[in-house]
PDB file of N, CA and C in Angstrom:
ATOM      1  N   MET A   1      12.804  -0.507   6.542  1.00  0.00           N
ATOM      2  CA  MET A   1      12.562   0.554   5.564  1.00  0.00           C
ATOM      3  C   MET A   1      10.933  -0.078   5.439  1.00  0.00           C
ATOM      4  N   ALA A   2      10.235   1.078   5.566  1.00  0.00           N
ATOM      5  CA  ALA A   2       8.854   0.778   5.076  1.00  0.00           C
ATOM      6  C   ALA A   2       8.277   1.498   4.013  1.00  0.00           C
ATOM      7  N   TYR A   3       7.562   0.618   3.280  1.00  0.00           N
ATOM      8  CA  TYR A   3       6.856   0.943   1.587  1.00  0.00           C
ATOM      9  C   TYR A   3       5.993   1.398   2.157  1.00  0.00           C
ATOM     10  N   THR A   4       5.798   2.513   0.801  1.00  0.00           N
ATOM     11  CA  THR A   4       4.250   3.365   0.706  1.00  0.00           C
ATOM     12  C   THR A   4       4.453   4.010  -0.817  1.00  0.00           C
ATOM     13  N   ARG A   5       3.632   4.341  -0.759  1.00  0.00           N
ATOM     14  CA  ARG A   5       2.668   4.672  -2.270  1.00  0.00           C
ATOM     15  C   ARG A   5       1.758   5.503  -2.175  1.00  0.00           C
ATOM     16  N   ALA A   6       1.891   6.914  -2.810  1.00  0.00           N
ATOM     17  CA  ALA A   6       1.065   7.691  -2.437  1.00  0.00           C
ATOM     18  C   ALA A   6      -0.337   7.181  -3.175  1.00  0.00           C
ATOM     19  N   PRO A   7      -1.699   7.895  -2.908  1.00  0.00           N
ATOM     20  CA  PRO A   7      -3.042   6.783  -3.745  1.00  0.00           C
ATOM     21  C   PRO A   7      -3.079   8.092  -5.129  1.00  0.00           C
ATOM     22  N   ALA A   8      -3.367   6.931  -6.333  1.00  0.00           N
ATOM     23  CA  ALA A   8      -3.543   7.678  -7.186  1.00  0.00           C
ATOM     24  C   ALA A   8      -4.146   9.070  -7.824  1.00  0.00           C
ATOM     25  N   SER A   9      -5.016   9.884  -6.765  1.00  0.00           N
ATOM     26  CA  SER A   9      -5.544  11.027  -6.749  1.00  0.00           C
ATOM     27  C   SER A   9      -4.404  11.744  -6.448  1.00  0.00           C
ATOM     28  N   ASP A  10      -3.621  11.528  -5.847  1.00  0.00           N
ATOM     29  CA  ASP A  10      -2.030  12.800  -5.536  1.00  0.00           C
ATOM     30  C   ASP A  10      -1.758  12.972  -7.123  1.00  0.00           C
ATOM     31  N   PHE A  11      -1.464  12.105  -7.781  1.00  0.00           N
ATOM     32  CA  PHE A  11      -0.623  12.304  -9.046  1.00  0.00           C
ATOM     33  C   PHE A  11      -1.852  12.388  -9.880  1.00  0.00           C
ATOM     34  N   ASP A  12      -3.197  12.171 -10.291  1.00  0.00           N
ATOM     35  CA  ASP A  12      -3.552  12.963 -10.981  1.00  0.00           C
ATOM     36  C   ASP A  12      -4.015  14.502 -10.997  1.00  0.00           C
ATOM     37  N   ASP A  13      -4.341  14.618  -9.638  1.00  0.00           N
ATOM     38  CA  ASP A  13      -4.037  16.036  -9.145  1.00  0.00           C
ATOM     39  C   ASP A  13      -3.249  17.337  -9.379  1.00  0.00           C
ATOM     40  N   TRP A  14      -1.837  16.536 -10.070  1.00  0.00           N
ATOM     41  CA  TRP A  14      -1.086  17.391 -10.467  1.00  0.00           C
ATOM     42  C   TRP A  14      -1.343  18.355 -11.335  1.00  0.00           C
ATOM     43  N   GLU A  15      -2.080  17.468 -12.510  1.00  0.00           N
ATOM     44  CA  GLU A  15      -2.435  17.765 -13.876  1.00  0.00           C
ATOM     45  C   GLU A  15      -1.405  17.596 -15.045  1.00  0.00           C
ATOM     46  N   VAL A  16      -0.316  16.479 -14.382  1.00  0.00           N
ATOM     47  CA  VAL A  16       0.616  17.267 -15.634  1.00  0.00           C
ATOM     48  C   VAL A  16       1.083  16.099 -16.054  1.00  0.00           C
ATOM     49  N   ASP A  17       0.727  16.024 -17.777  1.00  0.00           N
ATOM     50  CA  ASP A  17       1.241  15.008 -18.614  1.00  0.00           C
ATOM     51  C   ASP A  17       1.673  14.259 -18.618  1.00  0.00           C
ATOM     52  N   GLY A  18       1.641  12.605 -18.670  1.00  0.00           N
ATOM     53  CA  GLY A  18       2.459  11.696 -18.800  1.00  0.00           C
ATOM     54  C   GLY A  18       2.449  11.208 -17.111  1.00  0.00           C
ATOM     55  N   TRP A  19       2.104  12.022 -15.627  1.00  0.00           N
ATOM     56  CA  TRP A  19       2.539  11.932 -14.639  1.00  0.00           C
ATOM     57  C   TRP A  19       0.723  11.316 -13.885  1.00  0.00           C
ATOM     58  N   GLU A  20      -0.566  11.176 -14.839  1.00  0.00           N
ATOM     59  CA  GLU A  20      -1.540  10.740 -14.611  1.00  0.00           C
ATOM     60  C   GLU A  20      -1.555   9.110 -13.889  1.00  0.00           C
ATOM     61  N   SER A  21      -2.189   8.921 -13.242  1.00  0.00           N
ATOM     62  CA  SER A  21      -2.406   7.638 -12.360  1.00  0.00           C
ATOM     63  C   SER A  21      -1.940   6.428 -13.363  1.00  0.00           C
ATOM     64  N   ARG A  22      -2.815   6.444 -13.905  1.00  0.00           N
ATOM     65  CA  ARG A  22      -3.378   5.135 -15.165  1.00  0.00           C
ATOM     66  C   ARG A  22      -1.391   5.330 -16.220  1.00  0.00           C
ATOM     67  N   ASN A  23      -0.486   6.312 -16.098  1.00  0.00           N
ATOM     68  CA  ASN A  23       0.264   5.941 -16.388  1.00  0.00           C
ATOM     69  C   ASN A  23       1.420   5.500 -15.862  1.00  0.00           C
ATOM     70  N   LEU A  24       1.208   5.947 -14.588  1.00  0.00           N
ATOM     71  CA  LEU A  24       2.337   5.787 -13.483  1.00  0.00           C
ATOM     72  C   LEU A  24       2.340   4.242 -12.786  1.00  0.00           C
ATOM     73  N   ILE A  25       1.197   4.155 -12.988  1.00  0.00           N
ATOM     74  CA  ILE A  25       0.733   2.380 -12.240  1.00  0.00           C
ATOM     75  C   ILE A  25       1.445   1.193 -12.597  1.00  0.00           C
ATOM     76  N   PRO A  26       1.712   0.893 -14.743  1.00  0.00           N
ATOM     77  CA  PRO A  26       2.518   0.145 -14.808  1.00  0.00           C
ATOM     78  C   PRO A  26       3.415   0.043 -14.506  1.00  0.00           C
ATOM     79  N   LEU A  27       4.332   1.730 -14.447  1.00  0.00           N
ATOM     80  CA  LEU A  27       5.450   1.030 -14.193  1.00  0.00           C
ATOM     81  C   LEU A  27       5.846   0.883 -12.605  1.00  0.00           C
ATOM     82  N   MET A  28       5.149   0.748 -11.695  1.00  0.00           N
ATOM     83  CA  MET A  28       4.550   1.159 -10.521  1.00  0.00           C
ATOM     84  C   MET A  28       5.015  -0.647  -9.863  1.00  0.00           C
ATOM     85  N   LYS A  29       3.927  -1.371 -11.096  1.00  0.00           N
ATOM     86  CA  LYS A  29       3.648  -2.117 -11.072  1.00  0.00           C
ATOM     87  C   LYS A  29       5.234  -3.439 -11.249  1.00  0.00           C
ATOM     88  N   LYS A  30       6.222  -2.734 -11.952  1.00  0.00           N
ATOM     89  CA  LYS A  30       7.495  -3.629 -12.826  1.00  0.00           C
ATOM     90  C   LYS A  30       8.351  -3.509 -11.846  1.00  0.00           C
ATOM     91  N   LEU A  31       8.071  -2.192 -10.915  1.00  0.00           N
ATOM     92  CA  LEU A  31       8.981  -1.953 -10.487  1.00  0.00           C
ATOM     93  C   LEU A  31       9.461  -3.360  -9.061  1.00  0.00           C
ATOM     94  N   GLU A  32       7.769  -3.465  -8.500  1.00  0.00           N
ATOM     95  CA  GLU A  32       7.593  -4.526  -7.313  1.00  0.00           C
ATOM     96  C   GLU A  32       7.248  -5.802  -7.428  1.00  0.00           C
ATOM     97  N   THR A  33       7.700  -6.966  -6.435  1.00  0.00           N
ATOM     98  CA  THR A  33       7.264  -8.258  -5.855  1.00  0.00           C
ATOM     99  C   THR A  33       7.217  -8.148  -5.205  1.00  0.00           C
ATOM    100  N   TYR A  34       5.400  -7.792  -5.160  1.00  0.00           N
ATOM    101  CA  TYR A  34       4.312  -7.870  -3.716  1.00  0.00           C
ATOM    102  C   TYR A  34       4.169  -9.253  -2.964  1.00  0.00           C
ATOM    103  N   GLU A  35       4.337  -9.195  -2.082  1.00  0.00           N
ATOM    104  CA  GLU A  35       4.650 -10.419  -1.116  1.00  0.00           C
ATOM    105  C   GLU A  35       3.499 -10.737   0.412  1.00  0.00           C
ATOM    106  N   VAL A  36       2.983  -9.295   0.058  1.00  0.00           N
ATOM    107  CA  VAL A  36       1.953  -9.625   0.691  1.00  0.00           C
ATOM    108  C   VAL A  36       0.499 -10.216   0.552  1.00  0.00           C
ATOM    109  N   HIS A  37       0.030  -9.530  -0.266  1.00  0.00           N
ATOM    110  CA  HIS A  37      -1.473  -9.990  -0.682  1.00  0.00           C
ATOM    111  C   HIS A  37      -1.012 -10.260  -1.997  1.00  0.00           C
ATOM    112  N   PRO A  38      -1.475 -11.822  -2.822  1.00  0.00           N
ATOM    113  CA  PRO A  38      -1.281 -12.306  -3.835  1.00  0.00           C
ATOM    114  C   PRO A  38      -2.185 -12.083  -4.902  1.00  0.00           C
ATOM    115  N   GLY A  39      -1.843 -11.519  -5.975  1.00  0.00           N
ATOM    116  CA  GLY A  39      -3.718 -11.278  -7.266  1.00  0.00           C
ATOM    117  C   GLY A  39      -4.209 -10.181  -6.723  1.00  0.00           C
ATOM    118  N   ARG A  40      -3.238  -8.891  -5.921  1.00  0.00           N
ATOM    119  CA  ARG A  40      -4.098  -8.162  -5.974  1.00  0.00           C
ATOM    120  C   ARG A  40      -3.726  -6.745  -7.882  1.00  0.00           C
ATOM    121  N   PRO A  41      -4.250  -6.412  -8.085  1.00  0.00           N
ATOM    122  CA  PRO A  41      -4.385  -5.851  -9.117  1.00  0.00           C
ATOM    123  C   PRO A  41      -3.496  -4.638  -9.691  1.00  0.00           C
ATOM    124  N   THR A  42      -3.326  -3.850  -8.418  1.00  0.00           N
ATOM    125  CA  THR A  42      -3.038  -2.637  -8.284  1.00  0.00           C
ATOM    126  C   THR A  42      -1.059  -2.914  -8.128  1.00  0.00           C
ATOM    127  N   HIS A  43      -0.538  -4.257  -7.859  1.00  0.00           N
ATOM    128  CA  HIS A  43       0.788  -4.314  -7.703  1.00  0.00           C
ATOM    129  C   HIS A  43       1.347  -4.928  -8.703  1.00  0.00           C
ATOM    130  N   GLY A  44       2.725  -5.345  -8.567  1.00  0.00           N
ATOM    131  CA  GLY A  44       3.371  -6.430  -9.296  1.00  0.00           C
ATOM    132  C   GLY A  44       3.779  -7.121  -8.813  1.00  0.00           C
ATOM    133  N   TYR A  45       4.758  -8.500  -9.590  1.00  0.00           N
ATOM    134  CA  TYR A  45       5.347  -9.292  -8.815  1.00  0.00           C
ATOM    135  C   TYR A  45       6.166 -10.313  -9.499  1.00  0.00           C
ATOM    136  N   ASN A  46       7.032  -9.397 -10.170  1.00  0.00           N
ATOM    137  CA  ASN A  46       8.041 -10.090 -10.854  1.00  0.00           C
ATOM    138  C   ASN A  46       9.310  -8.705 -10.886  1.00  0.00           C
ATOM    139  N   GLY A  47       9.469  -7.660  -9.867  1.00  0.00           N
ATOM    140  CA  GLY A  47      10.399  -6.963  -9.654  1.00  0.00           C
ATOM    141  C   GLY A  47      11.201  -6.593  -9.666  1.00  0.00           C
ATOM    142  N   PRO A  48      12.031  -6.035  -8.907  1.00  0.00           N
ATOM    143  CA  PRO A  48      13.364  -5.942  -8.425  1.00  0.00           C
ATOM    144  C   PRO A  48      13.358  -5.409  -6.416  1.00  0.00           C
ATOM    145  N   ILE A  49      12.029  -5.218  -6.923  1.00  0.00           N
ATOM    146  CA  ILE A  49      11.845  -4.526  -5.272  1.00  0.00           C
ATOM    147  C   ILE A  49      10.881  -5.206  -4.768  1.00  0.00           C
ATOM    148  N   LYS A  50      11.181  -6.181  -3.129  1.00  0.00           N
ATOM    149  CA  LYS A  50      10.662  -7.165  -2.587  1.00  0.00           C
ATOM    150  C   LYS A  50       9.836  -6.558  -1.333  1.00  0.00           C
ATOM    151  N   VAL A  51       8.544  -6.532  -1.740  1.00  0.00           N
ATOM    152  CA  VAL A  51       7.503  -5.843  -0.485  1.00  0.00           C
ATOM    153  C   VAL A  51       7.091  -7.181   0.506  1.00  0.00           C
ATOM    154  N   SER A  52       7.152  -7.165   1.246  1.00  0.00           N
ATOM    155  CA  SER A  52       6.863  -8.210   2.089  1.00  0.00           C
ATOM    156  C   SER A  52       6.159  -7.426   3.595  1.00  0.00           C
ATOM    157  N   SER A  53       5.564  -8.184   4.280  1.00  0.00           N
ATOM    158  CA  SER A  53       5.085  -7.916   5.743  1.00  0.00           C
ATOM    159  C   SER A  53       6.109  -8.152   6.394  1.00  0.00           C
ATOM    160  N   GLY A  54       7.680  -8.538   6.453  1.00  0.00           N
ATOM    161  CA  GLY A  54       8.571  -8.798   7.087  1.00  0.00           C
ATOM    162  C   GLY A  54       8.746 -10.054   7.968  1.00  0.00           C
ATOM    163  N   GLY A  55       7.719 -11.090   7.751  1.00  0.00           N
ATOM    164  CA  GLY A  55       8.015 -12.050   8.782  1.00  0.00           C
ATOM    165  C   GLY A  55       7.087 -12.459  10.043  1.00  0.00           C
ATOM    166  N   GLY A  56       8.258 -12.697  11.310  1.00  0.00           N
ATOM    167  CA  GLY A  56       7.386 -12.539  12.274  1.00  0.00           C
ATOM    168  C   GLY A  56       6.995 -11.651  12.764  1.00  0.00           C
ATOM    169  N   LYS A  57       5.759 -11.282  13.289  1.00  0.00           N
ATOM    170  CA  LYS A  57       5.146 -10.370  14.318  1.00  0.00           C
ATOM    171  C   LYS A  57       4.667 -10.851  15.372  1.00  0.00           C
ATOM    172  N   LEU A  58       4.623 -10.356  16.508  1.00  0.00           N
ATOM    173  CA  LEU A  58       4.069 -10.513  17.803  1.00  0.00           C
ATOM    174  C   LEU A  58       2.306 -10.287  17.176  1.00  0.00           C
ATOM    175  N   GLY A  59       1.689 -11.268  18.379  1.00  0.00           N
ATOM    176  CA  GLY A  59       0.479 -11.162  18.160  1.00  0.00           C
ATOM    177  C   GLY A  59      -0.256  -9.741  18.396  1.00  0.00           C
ATOM    178  N   ILE A  60       0.587  -9.573  19.886  1.00  0.00           N
ATOM    179  CA  ILE A  60      -0.258  -8.487  20.092  1.00  0.00           C
ATOM    180  C   ILE A  60      -0.211  -6.703  18.657  1.00  0.00           C
ATOM    181  N   PHE A  61       0.569  -7.317  17.824  1.00  0.00           N
ATOM    182  CA  PHE A  61       0.490  -6.539  16.733  1.00  0.00           C
ATOM    183  C   PHE A  61      -0.647  -5.589  16.134  1.00  0.00           C
ATOM    184  N   ASN A  62      -1.604  -6.527  15.691  1.00  0.00           N
ATOM    185  CA  ASN A  62      -2.740  -6.583  15.349  1.00  0.00           C
ATOM    186  C   ASN A  62      -3.617  -5.804  15.921  1.00  0.00           C
ATOM    187  N   GLU A  63      -3.005  -6.325  17.252  1.00  0.00           N
ATOM    188  CA  GLU A  63      -4.601  -5.671  18.397  1.00  0.00           C
ATOM    189  C   GLU A  63      -4.004  -4.970  18.454  1.00  0.00           C
ATOM    190  N   PHE A  64      -2.886  -3.616  18.297  1.00  0.00           N
ATOM    191  CA  PHE A  64      -2.532  -2.122  18.601  1.00  0.00           C
ATOM    192  C   PHE A  64      -2.790  -1.482  17.509  1.00  0.00           C
ATOM    193  N   VAL A  65      -2.921  -2.417  16.091  1.00  0.00           N
ATOM    194  CA  VAL A  65      -3.569  -0.997  15.104  1.00  0.00           C
ATOM    195  C   VAL A  65      -4.688  -0.725  15.237  1.00  0.00           C
ATOM    196  N   HIS A  66      -5.867  -2.378  15.577  1.00  0.00           N
ATOM    197  CA  HIS A  66      -6.951  -2.149  15.301  1.00  0.00           C
ATOM    198  C   HIS A  66      -7.441  -1.602  16.266  1.00  0.00           C
ATOM    199  N   ALA A  67      -7.195  -0.651  17.632  1.00  0.00           N
ATOM    200  CA  ALA A  67      -7.173  -0.627  18.973  1.00  0.00           C
ATOM    201  C   ALA A  67      -6.836   1.083  18.330  1.00  0.00           C
ATOM    202  N   GLY A  68      -5.695   1.691  17.473  1.00  0.00           N
ATOM    203  CA  GLY A  68      -6.030   2.647  17.122  1.00  0.00           C
ATOM    204  C   GLY A  68      -6.685   3.327  16.141  1.00  0.00           C
ATOM    205  N   ALA A  69      -7.350   2.235  15.050  1.00  0.00           N
ATOM    206  CA  ALA A  69      -8.289   2.659  14.326  1.00  0.00           C
ATOM    207  C   ALA A  69      -9.539   2.772  15.491  1.00  0.00           C
ATOM    208  N   THR A  70      -9.795   1.645  16.195  1.00  0.00           N
ATOM    209  CA  THR A  70     -11.041   2.434  16.866  1.00  0.00           C
ATOM    210  C   THR A  70     -10.976   3.485  17.862  1.00  0.00           C
ATOM    211  N   TYR A  71      -9.695   3.754  18.421  1.00  0.00           N
ATOM    212  CA  TYR A  71      -9.649   5.294  19.220  1.00  0.00           C
ATOM    213  C   TYR A  71      -9.684   6.392  18.025  1.00  0.00           C
ATOM    214  N   HIS A  72      -9.521   6.462  17.186  1.00  0.00           N
ATOM    215  CA  HIS A  72      -9.290   7.195  16.148  1.00  0.00           C
ATOM    216  C   HIS A  72     -10.516   7.421  15.018  1.00  0.00           C
ATOM    217  N   LYS A  73     -11.368   6.315  15.161  1.00  0.00           N
ATOM    218  CA  LYS A  73     -12.337   6.770  14.432  1.00  0.00           C
ATOM    219  C   LYS A  73     -12.290   6.348  12.991  1.00  0.00           C
ATOM    220  N   ARG A  74     -11.522   5.866  12.984  1.00  0.00           N
ATOM    221  CA  ARG A  74     -10.787   5.304  10.970  1.00  0.00           C
ATOM    222  C   ARG A  74     -11.249   3.383  10.569  1.00  0.00           C
ATOM    223  N   SER A  75     -11.108   3.657   9.790  1.00  0.00           N
ATOM    224  CA  SER A  75     -11.245   1.885   9.003  1.00  0.00           C
ATOM    225  C   SER A  75      -9.533   1.272   9.193  1.00  0.00           C
ATOM    226  N   PHE A  76      -9.926   0.585   8.895  1.00  0.00           N
ATOM    227  CA  PHE A  76      -9.079  -0.486   8.498  1.00  0.00           C
ATOM    228  C   PHE A  76      -8.588  -1.159   7.739  1.00  0.00           C
ATOM    229  N   ALA A  77      -7.898  -1.419   7.261  1.00  0.00           N
ATOM    230  CA  ALA A  77      -7.298  -1.810   5.720  1.00  0.00           C
ATOM    231  C   ALA A  77      -6.107  -3.015   5.619  1.00  0.00           C
ATOM    232  N   ASP A  78      -6.229  -3.966   4.757  1.00  0.00           N
ATOM    233  CA  ASP A  78      -5.253  -5.123   4.601  1.00  0.00           C
ATOM    234  C   ASP A  78      -3.963  -4.446   4.233  1.00  0.00           C
ATOM    235  N   ASP A  79      -4.860  -3.076   3.096  1.00  0.00           N
ATOM    236  CA  ASP A  79      -4.477  -3.347   1.638  1.00  0.00           C
ATOM    237  C   ASP A  79      -3.371  -1.280   1.883  1.00  0.00           C
ATOM    238  N   THR A  80      -2.884  -0.516   2.277  1.00  0.00           N
ATOM    239  CA  THR A  80      -2.953   0.931   1.732  1.00  0.00           C
ATOM    240  C   THR A  80      -2.073   1.271   0.675  1.00  0.00           C
ATOM    241  N   GLU A  81      -1.465   0.280   0.102  1.00  0.00           N
ATOM    242  CA  GLU A  81      -0.886   0.867  -0.956  1.00  0.00           C
ATOM    243  C   GLU A  81      -1.447   0.254  -2.008  1.00  0.00           C
ATOM    244  N   ASP A  82      -3.185   0.128  -2.372  1.00  0.00           N
ATOM    245  CA  ASP A  82      -3.850  -0.460  -3.636  1.00  0.00           C
ATOM    246  C   ASP A  82      -3.991   0.898  -4.310  1.00  0.00           C
ATOM    247  N   LEU A  83      -3.243   2.247  -3.980  1.00  0.00           N
ATOM    248  CA  LEU A  83      -3.668   3.303  -5.105  1.00  0.00           C
ATOM    249  C   LEU A  83      -5.180   4.037  -5.148  1.00  0.00           C
ATOM    250  N   GLU A  84      -5.583   3.212  -3.758  1.00  0.00           N
ATOM    251  CA  GLU A  84      -7.217   3.961  -3.373  1.00  0.00           C
ATOM    252  C   GLU A  84      -7.568   4.614  -2.397  1.00  0.00           C
ATOM    253  N   ILE A  85      -7.085   3.468  -1.278  1.00  0.00           N
ATOM    254  CA  ILE A  85      -7.300   3.496   0.167  1.00  0.00           C
ATOM    255  C   ILE A  85      -6.497   4.747   0.854  1.00  0.00           C
ATOM    256  N   CYS A  86      -6.997   5.893   1.608  1.00  0.00           N
ATOM    257  CA  CYS A  86      -6.066   6.822   2.195  1.00  0.00           C
ATOM    258  C   CYS A  86      -6.891   6.543   3.763  1.00  0.00           C
ATOM    259  N   ASN A  87      -6.334   7.696   4.708  1.00  0.00           N
ATOM    260  CA  ASN A  87      -6.547   8.360   6.059  1.00  0.00           C
ATOM    261  C   ASN A  87      -7.316   6.657   6.715  1.00  0.00           C
ATOM    262  N   VAL A  88      -6.616   5.241   6.478  1.00  0.00           N
ATOM    263  CA  VAL A  88      -6.908   4.459   7.644  1.00  0.00           C
ATOM    264  C   VAL A  88      -5.494   3.837   8.451  1.00  0.00           C
ATOM    265  N   TYR A  89      -6.047   2.895   9.655  1.00  0.00           N
ATOM    266  CA  TYR A  89      -5.102   1.678   9.891  1.00  0.00           C
ATOM    267  C   TYR A  89      -5.038   0.650   9.088  1.00  0.00           C
ATOM    268  N   SER A  90      -3.586   0.540   9.105  1.00  0.00           N
ATOM    269  CA  SER A  90      -3.178  -0.892   8.052  1.00  0.00           C
ATOM    270  C   SER A  90      -1.414  -1.120   8.835  1.00  0.00           C
ATOM    271  N   PRO A  91      -1.338  -2.418   8.832  1.00  0.00           N
ATOM    272  CA  PRO A  91      -0.032  -3.073   8.990  1.00  0.00           C
ATOM    273  C   PRO A  91       0.744  -2.512   7.482  1.00  0.00           C
ATOM    274  N   TRP A  92       2.133  -1.883   7.943  1.00  0.00           N
ATOM    275  CA  TRP A  92       2.509  -1.281   6.397  1.00  0.00           C
ATOM    276  C   TRP A  92       3.748  -2.216   6.440  1.00  0.00           C
ATOM    277  N   ALA A  93       3.863  -1.966   5.165  1.00  0.00           N
ATOM    278  CA  ALA A  93       4.777  -2.973   4.506  1.00  0.00           C
ATOM    279  C   ALA A  93       6.000  -3.171   4.354  1.00  0.00           C
ATOM    280  N   LYS A  94       7.265  -3.943   4.058  1.00  0.00           N
ATOM    281  CA  LYS A  94       7.942  -3.307   3.989  1.00  0.00           C
ATOM    282  C   LYS A  94       9.003  -3.814   2.883  1.00  0.00           C
TER     283      LYS A  94
END
């Protein structure tokens, strides 16, 4: 199962009271134990949902992701779940 969160702008674009990203980010952080990159400010580290890179990966995996970014002329990011980054290539947490 892949883990993903929409960017903060998606929630803000709804313009619904209580559903702004500033209100939802604390709730998202409570849900997750983010094991991919420690110390990220938009992630939680004590929640019931464990988020990781899934253990072992073949070395060719990173080459494949970087090749896609190069071919499609898009950036590479190590964390697309930071609620800011969109339309980039990145390993997907699960």
